[in-house]
PDB file of N, CA and C in Angstrom:
ATOM      1  N   MET A   1      68.736  -6.657 -45.310  1.00  0.00           N
ATOM      2  CA  MET A   1      68.896  -5.221 -44.790  1.00  0.00           C
ATOM      3  C   MET A   1      68.052  -5.047 -43.953  1.00  0.00           C
ATOM      4  N   VAL A   2      68.549  -4.279 -42.888  1.00  0.00           N
ATOM      5  CA  VAL A   2      67.578  -3.818 -41.719  1.00  0.00           C
ATOM      6  C   VAL A   2      67.123  -2.347 -41.950  1.00  0.00           C
ATOM      7  N   LYS A   3      65.752  -2.360 -42.081  1.00  0.00           N
ATOM      8  CA  LYS A   3      65.222  -1.088 -42.368  1.00  0.00           C
ATOM      9  C   LYS A   3      65.319  -0.121 -40.881  1.00  0.00           C
ATOM     10  N   PRO A   4      65.769   0.930 -41.034  1.00  0.00           N
ATOM     11  CA  PRO A   4      65.830   1.788 -39.737  1.00  0.00           C
ATOM     12  C   PRO A   4      64.286   2.149 -39.091  1.00  0.00           C
ATOM     13  N   THR A   5      64.311   2.271 -37.878  1.00  0.00           N
ATOM     14  CA  THR A   5      63.157   2.397 -37.280  1.00  0.00           C
ATOM     15  C   THR A   5      62.597   3.701 -37.078  1.00  0.00           C
ATOM     16  N   SER A   6      61.656   4.102 -37.368  1.00  0.00           N
ATOM     17  CA  SER A   6      61.182   5.580 -36.994  1.00  0.00           C
ATOM     18  C   SER A   6      60.830   5.838 -35.828  1.00  0.00           C
ATOM     19  N   ALA A   7      60.937   7.095 -35.321  1.00  0.00           N
ATOM     20  CA  ALA A   7      60.595   7.643 -33.965  1.00  0.00           C
ATOM     21  C   ALA A   7      59.409   7.181 -33.580  1.00  0.00           C
ATOM     22  N   PRO A   8      58.794   6.843 -32.473  1.00  0.00           N
ATOM     23  CA  PRO A   8      57.531   6.507 -32.054  1.00  0.00           C
ATOM     24  C   PRO A   8      56.729   7.947 -32.319  1.00  0.00           C
ATOM     25  N   ALA A   9      55.664   7.772 -32.592  1.00  0.00           N
ATOM     26  CA  ALA A   9      54.751   8.737 -32.778  1.00  0.00           C
ATOM     27  C   ALA A   9      54.038   9.268 -31.235  1.00  0.00           C
ATOM     28  N   GLN A  10      53.965  10.675 -31.171  1.00  0.00           N
ATOM     29  CA  GLN A  10      53.501  11.047 -30.161  1.00  0.00           C
ATOM     30  C   GLN A  10      52.136  10.868 -29.699  1.00  0.00           C
ATOM     31  N   THR A  11      51.903  10.317 -28.527  1.00  0.00           N
ATOM     32  CA  THR A  11      50.405  10.127 -28.382  1.00  0.00           C
ATOM     33  C   THR A  11      49.596  11.342 -28.173  1.00  0.00           C
ATOM     34  N   THR A  12      48.236  11.086 -28.361  1.00  0.00           N
ATOM     35  CA  THR A  12      47.441  12.594 -28.336  1.00  0.00           C
ATOM     36  C   THR A  12      47.145  12.610 -26.953  1.00  0.00           C
ATOM     37  N   PRO A  13      46.522  13.763 -26.479  1.00  0.00           N
ATOM     38  CA  PRO A  13      46.153  14.000 -25.022  1.00  0.00           C
ATOM     39  C   PRO A  13      45.201  12.901 -24.527  1.00  0.00           C
ATOM     40  N   VAL A  14      44.365  12.647 -25.475  1.00  0.00           N
ATOM     41  CA  VAL A  14      43.173  11.583 -25.169  1.00  0.00           C
ATOM     42  C   VAL A  14      43.671  10.123 -25.011  1.00  0.00           C
ATOM     43  N   ALA A  15      44.386   9.887 -25.866  1.00  0.00           N
ATOM     44  CA  ALA A  15      45.087   8.561 -25.671  1.00  0.00           C
ATOM     45  C   ALA A  15      45.973   8.423 -24.548  1.00  0.00           C
ATOM     46  N   ASP A  16      46.741   9.464 -24.254  1.00  0.00           N
ATOM     47  CA  ASP A  16      47.471   9.506 -22.916  1.00  0.00           C
ATOM     48  C   ASP A  16      46.369   9.552 -21.697  1.00  0.00           C
ATOM     49  N   PHE A  17      45.507  10.306 -21.738  1.00  0.00           N
ATOM     50  CA  PHE A  17      44.518  10.000 -20.563  1.00  0.00           C
ATOM     51  C   PHE A  17      43.936   8.711 -20.396  1.00  0.00           C
ATOM     52  N   GLU A  18      43.531   8.049 -21.628  1.00  0.00           N
ATOM     53  CA  GLU A  18      42.950   6.872 -21.673  1.00  0.00           C
ATOM     54  C   GLU A  18      44.104   5.689 -21.203  1.00  0.00           C
ATOM     55  N   ARG A  19      45.153   5.847 -21.594  1.00  0.00           N
ATOM     56  CA  ARG A  19      46.263   4.972 -21.234  1.00  0.00           C
ATOM     57  C   ARG A  19      46.336   5.071 -19.647  1.00  0.00           C
ATOM     58  N   SER A  20      46.594   6.236 -19.029  1.00  0.00           N
ATOM     59  CA  SER A  20      46.672   6.704 -17.669  1.00  0.00           C
ATOM     60  C   SER A  20      45.423   6.125 -16.880  1.00  0.00           C
ATOM     61  N   LEU A  21      44.214   6.397 -17.177  1.00  0.00           N
ATOM     62  CA  LEU A  21      43.199   6.042 -16.597  1.00  0.00           C
ATOM     63  C   LEU A  21      43.068   4.541 -16.475  1.00  0.00           C
ATOM     64  N   ASP A  22      43.547   3.569 -17.665  1.00  0.00           N
ATOM     65  CA  ASP A  22      43.580   2.325 -17.683  1.00  0.00           C
ATOM     66  C   ASP A  22      44.507   1.567 -16.733  1.00  0.00           C
ATOM     67  N   GLU A  23      45.772   2.215 -16.533  1.00  0.00           N
ATOM     68  CA  GLU A  23      46.673   1.703 -15.901  1.00  0.00           C
ATOM     69  C   GLU A  23      46.321   1.852 -14.083  1.00  0.00           C
ATOM     70  N   LEU A  24      45.624   3.019 -14.167  1.00  0.00           N
ATOM     71  CA  LEU A  24      44.938   3.391 -12.533  1.00  0.00           C
ATOM     72  C   LEU A  24      43.930   2.409 -12.379  1.00  0.00           C
ATOM     73  N   GLU A  25      43.043   1.979 -13.288  1.00  0.00           N
ATOM     74  CA  GLU A  25      42.051   0.925 -13.098  1.00  0.00           C
ATOM     75  C   GLU A  25      42.648  -0.231 -12.715  1.00  0.00           C
ATOM     76  N   GLN A  26      43.989  -0.691 -13.522  1.00  0.00           N
ATOM     77  CA  GLN A  26      44.570  -1.951 -13.323  1.00  0.00           C
ATOM     78  C   GLN A  26      45.427  -2.007 -11.802  1.00  0.00           C
ATOM     79  N   LEU A  27      45.686  -0.898 -11.463  1.00  0.00           N
ATOM     80  CA  LEU A  27      46.476  -0.817 -10.147  1.00  0.00           C
ATOM     81  C   LEU A  27      45.327  -1.035  -9.187  1.00  0.00           C
ATOM     82  N   VAL A  28      44.240  -0.390  -9.219  1.00  0.00           N
ATOM     83  CA  VAL A  28      43.470  -0.541  -7.740  1.00  0.00           C
ATOM     84  C   VAL A  28      42.899  -1.999  -8.010  1.00  0.00           C
ATOM     85  N   ALA A  29      42.672  -2.619  -9.260  1.00  0.00           N
ATOM     86  CA  ALA A  29      42.312  -4.117  -9.101  1.00  0.00           C
ATOM     87  C   ALA A  29      43.220  -4.813  -8.433  1.00  0.00           C
ATOM     88  N   ARG A  30      44.446  -4.632  -8.756  1.00  0.00           N
ATOM     89  CA  ARG A  30      45.731  -5.225  -8.200  1.00  0.00           C
ATOM     90  C   ARG A  30      45.512  -5.282  -6.714  1.00  0.00           C
ATOM     91  N   MET A  31      45.485  -3.847  -6.156  1.00  0.00           N
ATOM     92  CA  MET A  31      45.440  -3.697  -4.873  1.00  0.00           C
ATOM     93  C   MET A  31      44.155  -4.282  -4.057  1.00  0.00           C
ATOM     94  N   GLU A  32      42.997  -4.220  -4.723  1.00  0.00           N
ATOM     95  CA  GLU A  32      41.907  -4.896  -4.335  1.00  0.00           C
ATOM     96  C   GLU A  32      41.933  -6.422  -3.981  1.00  0.00           C
ATOM     97  N   GLY A  33      42.705  -6.806  -4.916  1.00  0.00           N
ATOM     98  CA  GLY A  33      43.016  -8.562  -4.860  1.00  0.00           C
ATOM     99  C   GLY A  33      43.549  -8.903  -3.641  1.00  0.00           C
ATOM    100  N   GLY A  34      44.240  -8.066  -3.100  1.00  0.00           N
ATOM    101  CA  GLY A  34      45.104  -8.329  -1.835  1.00  0.00           C
ATOM    102  C   GLY A  34      46.216  -9.573  -1.863  1.00  0.00           C
ATOM    103  N   GLU A  35      46.853  -9.421  -2.893  1.00  0.00           N
ATOM    104  CA  GLU A  35      48.067 -10.259  -3.148  1.00  0.00           C
ATOM    105  C   GLU A  35      49.211  -9.509  -3.106  1.00  0.00           C
ATOM    106  N   MET A  36      49.178  -8.058  -2.772  1.00  0.00           N
ATOM    107  CA  MET A  36      50.691  -7.480  -2.865  1.00  0.00           C
ATOM    108  C   MET A  36      51.032  -7.418  -1.369  1.00  0.00           C
ATOM    109  N   SER A  37      52.464  -7.217  -1.438  1.00  0.00           N
ATOM    110  CA  SER A  37      52.959  -7.044  -0.215  1.00  0.00           C
ATOM    111  C   SER A  37      52.716  -5.427   0.299  1.00  0.00           C
ATOM    112  N   LEU A  38      53.095  -5.239   1.432  1.00  0.00           N
ATOM    113  CA  LEU A  38      52.800  -3.794   1.954  1.00  0.00           C
ATOM    114  C   LEU A  38      53.616  -2.942   0.938  1.00  0.00           C
ATOM    115  N   ASP A  39      54.890  -3.304   0.969  1.00  0.00           N
ATOM    116  CA  ASP A  39      56.109  -2.400   0.060  1.00  0.00           C
ATOM    117  C   ASP A  39      55.111  -2.239  -1.352  1.00  0.00           C
ATOM    118  N   GLU A  40      54.770  -3.324  -1.849  1.00  0.00           N
ATOM    119  CA  GLU A  40      54.263  -3.187  -3.260  1.00  0.00           C
ATOM    120  C   GLU A  40      52.974  -2.244  -3.450  1.00  0.00           C
ATOM    121  N   SER A  41      52.113  -2.400  -2.241  1.00  0.00           N
ATOM    122  CA  SER A  41      51.096  -1.607  -2.171  1.00  0.00           C
ATOM    123  C   SER A  41      51.315  -0.196  -1.955  1.00  0.00           C
ATOM    124  N   LEU A  42      52.208   0.396  -1.247  1.00  0.00           N
ATOM    125  CA  LEU A  42      52.617   1.493  -1.117  1.00  0.00           C
ATOM    126  C   LEU A  42      53.097   2.002  -2.397  1.00  0.00           C
ATOM    127  N   SER A  43      54.066   1.382  -3.271  1.00  0.00           N
ATOM    128  CA  SER A  43      54.483   1.891  -4.420  1.00  0.00           C
ATOM    129  C   SER A  43      53.320   1.917  -5.554  1.00  0.00           C
ATOM    130  N   ALA A  44      52.373   1.044  -5.391  1.00  0.00           N
ATOM    131  CA  ALA A  44      51.366   1.258  -6.117  1.00  0.00           C
ATOM    132  C   ALA A  44      50.276   2.345  -5.936  1.00  0.00           C
ATOM    133  N   PHE A  45      50.092   2.595  -4.640  1.00  0.00           N
ATOM    134  CA  PHE A  45      49.370   3.891  -4.146  1.00  0.00           C
ATOM    135  C   PHE A  45      50.057   4.997  -4.818  1.00  0.00           C
ATOM    136  N   GLU A  46      51.425   5.001  -4.487  1.00  0.00           N
ATOM    137  CA  GLU A  46      52.116   6.407  -4.958  1.00  0.00           C
ATOM    138  C   GLU A  46      51.927   6.534  -6.581  1.00  0.00           C
ATOM    139  N   ARG A  47      52.001   5.202  -7.241  1.00  0.00           N
ATOM    140  CA  ARG A  47      51.733   5.518  -8.537  1.00  0.00           C
ATOM    141  C   ARG A  47      50.437   5.892  -9.200  1.00  0.00           C
ATOM    142  N   GLY A  48      49.480   5.346  -8.335  1.00  0.00           N
ATOM    143  CA  GLY A  48      48.050   5.697  -8.523  1.00  0.00           C
ATOM    144  C   GLY A  48      47.924   7.193  -8.132  1.00  0.00           C
ATOM    145  N   ILE A  49      48.533   7.683  -7.150  1.00  0.00           N
ATOM    146  CA  ILE A  49      48.262   9.199  -6.747  1.00  0.00           C
ATOM    147  C   ILE A  49      48.456   9.864  -8.150  1.00  0.00           C
ATOM    148  N   GLY A  50      49.884   9.642  -8.610  1.00  0.00           N
ATOM    149  CA  GLY A  50      50.405  10.273  -9.751  1.00  0.00           C
ATOM    150  C   GLY A  50      49.665  10.433 -11.057  1.00  0.00           C
ATOM    151  N   LEU A  51      49.102   8.873 -11.319  1.00  0.00           N
ATOM    152  CA  LEU A  51      48.054   8.678 -12.587  1.00  0.00           C
ATOM    153  C   LEU A  51      46.736   9.500 -12.129  1.00  0.00           C
ATOM    154  N   TYR A  52      46.448   9.443 -10.995  1.00  0.00           N
ATOM    155  CA  TYR A  52      45.216  10.372 -10.751  1.00  0.00           C
ATOM    156  C   TYR A  52      45.052  11.690 -10.881  1.00  0.00           C
ATOM    157  N   ARG A  53      46.337  12.374 -10.568  1.00  0.00           N
ATOM    158  CA  ARG A  53      46.629  13.915 -10.526  1.00  0.00           C
ATOM    159  C   ARG A  53      46.801  14.045 -12.144  1.00  0.00           C
ATOM    160  N   HIS A  54      47.351  13.153 -12.854  1.00  0.00           N
ATOM    161  CA  HIS A  54      47.593  13.427 -14.469  1.00  0.00           C
ATOM    162  C   HIS A  54      46.243  13.217 -15.006  1.00  0.00           C
ATOM    163  N   CYS A  55      45.440  12.525 -14.779  1.00  0.00           N
ATOM    164  CA  CYS A  55      44.140  12.330 -15.249  1.00  0.00           C
ATOM    165  C   CYS A  55      43.132  13.395 -14.923  1.00  0.00           C
ATOM    166  N   GLN A  56      43.332  13.880 -13.559  1.00  0.00           N
ATOM    167  CA  GLN A  56      42.299  15.077 -13.238  1.00  0.00           C
ATOM    168  C   GLN A  56      43.012  16.464 -14.056  1.00  0.00           C
ATOM    169  N   GLN A  57      44.244  16.380 -14.329  1.00  0.00           N
ATOM    170  CA  GLN A  57      44.907  17.614 -15.050  1.00  0.00           C
ATOM    171  C   GLN A  57      44.269  17.738 -16.506  1.00  0.00           C
ATOM    172  N   ALA A  58      44.363  16.333 -17.124  1.00  0.00           N
ATOM    173  CA  ALA A  58      43.871  16.401 -18.418  1.00  0.00           C
ATOM    174  C   ALA A  58      42.414  16.620 -18.529  1.00  0.00           C
ATOM    175  N   LEU A  59      41.466  16.259 -17.487  1.00  0.00           N
ATOM    176  CA  LEU A  59      40.090  16.660 -17.475  1.00  0.00           C
ATOM    177  C   LEU A  59      39.936  18.165 -17.321  1.00  0.00           C
ATOM    178  N   ASP A  60      40.876  18.843 -16.552  1.00  0.00           N
ATOM    179  CA  ASP A  60      40.682  20.272 -16.323  1.00  0.00           C
ATOM    180  C   ASP A  60      41.035  21.041 -17.407  1.00  0.00           C
ATOM    181  N   GLN A  61      42.167  20.383 -18.494  1.00  0.00           N
ATOM    182  CA  GLN A  61      42.440  21.088 -19.691  1.00  0.00           C
ATOM    183  C   GLN A  61      41.296  20.850 -20.541  1.00  0.00           C
ATOM    184  N   ALA A  62      40.698  19.863 -20.783  1.00  0.00           N
ATOM    185  CA  ALA A  62      39.724  19.314 -21.485  1.00  0.00           C
ATOM    186  C   ALA A  62      38.434  20.333 -21.259  1.00  0.00           C
ATOM    187  N   GLU A  63      38.066  20.642 -20.141  1.00  0.00           N
ATOM    188  CA  GLU A  63      37.138  21.381 -19.697  1.00  0.00           C
ATOM    189  C   GLU A  63      37.186  22.857 -19.929  1.00  0.00           C
ATOM    190  N   LEU A  64      38.546  23.422 -20.066  1.00  0.00           N
ATOM    191  CA  LEU A  64      38.946  24.817 -20.248  1.00  0.00           C
ATOM    192  C   LEU A  64      38.644  24.972 -21.656  1.00  0.00           C
ATOM    193  N   ARG A  65      39.246  23.905 -22.579  1.00  0.00           N
ATOM    194  CA  ARG A  65      39.128  24.214 -24.039  1.00  0.00           C
ATOM    195  C   ARG A  65      37.597  23.990 -24.366  1.00  0.00           C
ATOM    196  N   VAL A  66      36.720  23.478 -23.828  1.00  0.00           N
ATOM    197  CA  VAL A  66      35.429  23.571 -23.988  1.00  0.00           C
ATOM    198  C   VAL A  66      34.852  24.804 -23.820  1.00  0.00           C
ATOM    199  N   ARG A  67      35.278  25.277 -22.428  1.00  0.00           N
ATOM    200  CA  ARG A  67      34.641  26.730 -22.113  1.00  0.00           C
ATOM    201  C   ARG A  67      35.131  27.648 -22.960  1.00  0.00           C
ATOM    202  N   LEU A  68      36.427  27.402 -23.466  1.00  0.00           N
ATOM    203  CA  LEU A  68      36.876  28.597 -24.612  1.00  0.00           C
ATOM    204  C   LEU A  68      36.342  28.510 -26.012  1.00  0.00           C
ATOM    205  N   LEU A  69      35.780  27.363 -26.335  1.00  0.00           N
ATOM    206  CA  LEU A  69      34.957  27.230 -27.441  1.00  0.00           C
ATOM    207  C   LEU A  69      33.579  27.523 -27.528  1.00  0.00           C
ATOM    208  N   LEU A  70      32.981  27.446 -26.115  1.00  0.00           N
ATOM    209  CA  LEU A  70      31.745  27.783 -25.914  1.00  0.00           C
ATOM    210  C   LEU A  70      31.532  29.572 -25.813  1.00  0.00           C
ATOM    211  N   ASP A  71      32.652  30.055 -25.369  1.00  0.00           N
ATOM    212  CA  ASP A  71      32.720  31.513 -25.170  1.00  0.00           C
ATOM    213  C   ASP A  71      34.157  31.955 -25.181  1.00  0.00           C
ATOM    214  N   PRO A  72      34.721  32.228 -26.177  1.00  0.00           N
ATOM    215  CA  PRO A  72      36.238  32.528 -26.030  1.00  0.00           C
ATOM    216  C   PRO A  72      36.440  33.831 -25.563  1.00  0.00           C
ATOM    217  N   ASP A  73      35.601  34.795 -25.470  1.00  0.00           N
ATOM    218  CA  ASP A  73      35.758  36.072 -25.087  1.00  0.00           C
ATOM    219  C   ASP A  73      35.672  36.089 -23.263  1.00  0.00           C
ATOM    220  N   ALA A  74      35.001  35.123 -22.646  1.00  0.00           N
ATOM    221  CA  ALA A  74      34.803  34.947 -21.039  1.00  0.00           C
ATOM    222  C   ALA A  74      34.576  33.457 -20.909  1.00  0.00           C
ATOM    223  N   PRO A  75      35.502  32.729 -20.961  1.00  0.00           N
ATOM    224  CA  PRO A  75      35.648  31.386 -20.721  1.00  0.00           C
ATOM    225  C   PRO A  75      34.996  31.021 -19.195  1.00  0.00           C
ATOM    226  N   ASP A  76      35.273  31.861 -18.348  1.00  0.00           N
ATOM    227  CA  ASP A  76      34.780  31.798 -16.904  1.00  0.00           C
ATOM    228  C   ASP A  76      33.421  31.615 -16.793  1.00  0.00           C
ATOM    229  N   THR A  77      32.616  32.455 -17.689  1.00  0.00           N
ATOM    230  CA  THR A  77      31.214  32.649 -17.373  1.00  0.00           C
ATOM    231  C   THR A  77      30.651  31.834 -18.597  1.00  0.00           C
ATOM    232  N   ALA A  78      31.246  31.102 -19.344  1.00  0.00           N
ATOM    233  CA  ALA A  78      30.573  30.327 -20.534  1.00  0.00           C
ATOM    234  C   ALA A  78      29.416  29.426 -19.705  1.00  0.00           C
ATOM    235  N   GLU A  79      28.352  29.130 -20.434  1.00  0.00           N
ATOM    236  CA  GLU A  79      27.322  28.127 -20.020  1.00  0.00           C
ATOM    237  C   GLU A  79      27.388  27.130 -20.730  1.00  0.00           C
ATOM    238  N   PRO A  80      27.361  25.777 -20.395  1.00  0.00           N
ATOM    239  CA  PRO A  80      27.360  24.605 -20.799  1.00  0.00           C
ATOM    240  C   PRO A  80      26.296  24.417 -21.803  1.00  0.00           C
ATOM    241  N   PHE A  81      26.647  23.840 -22.948  1.00  0.00           N
ATOM    242  CA  PHE A  81      25.657  23.621 -24.107  1.00  0.00           C
ATOM    243  C   PHE A  81      24.307  22.601 -23.502  1.00  0.00           C
ATOM    244  N   ALA A  82      23.231  22.985 -23.418  1.00  0.00           N
ATOM    245  CA  ALA A  82      22.093  22.085 -23.366  1.00  0.00           C
ATOM    246  C   ALA A  82      21.602  21.863 -24.432  1.00  0.00           C
ATOM    247  N   PRO A  83      21.128  20.419 -24.861  1.00  0.00           N
ATOM    248  CA  PRO A  83      20.505  20.351 -26.248  1.00  0.00           C
ATOM    249  C   PRO A  83      19.108  20.340 -25.756  1.00  0.00           C
ATOM    250  N   GLU A  84      18.420  20.803 -26.822  1.00  0.00           N
ATOM    251  CA  GLU A  84      16.880  20.954 -26.913  1.00  0.00           C
ATOM    252  C   GLU A  84      16.399  19.625 -26.503  1.00  0.00           C
ATOM    253  N   ALA A  85      15.352  19.549 -25.793  1.00  0.00           N
ATOM    254  CA  ALA A  85      14.536  18.352 -25.531  1.00  0.00           C
ATOM    255  C   ALA A  85      13.460  17.811 -26.657  1.00  0.00           C
TER     256      ALA A  85
END
């Protein structure tokens, strides 16, 4: 008897960010290796730009969440938390 497969669980934003960053690092390493053709390098560069933008957007969203937690009424003027020395 074959068990039905369940739908894949959605990834969290953190896991998605880490996966994108990991893929970006692998692309950079492959490109730096110098073994790719020009066409492969261009495709990898395009993919890398997309991954970079995705990571930057995720970081921007995380920063906004932190600012909202620090000062929900005025997130643009929230001061970063500085631990006591």
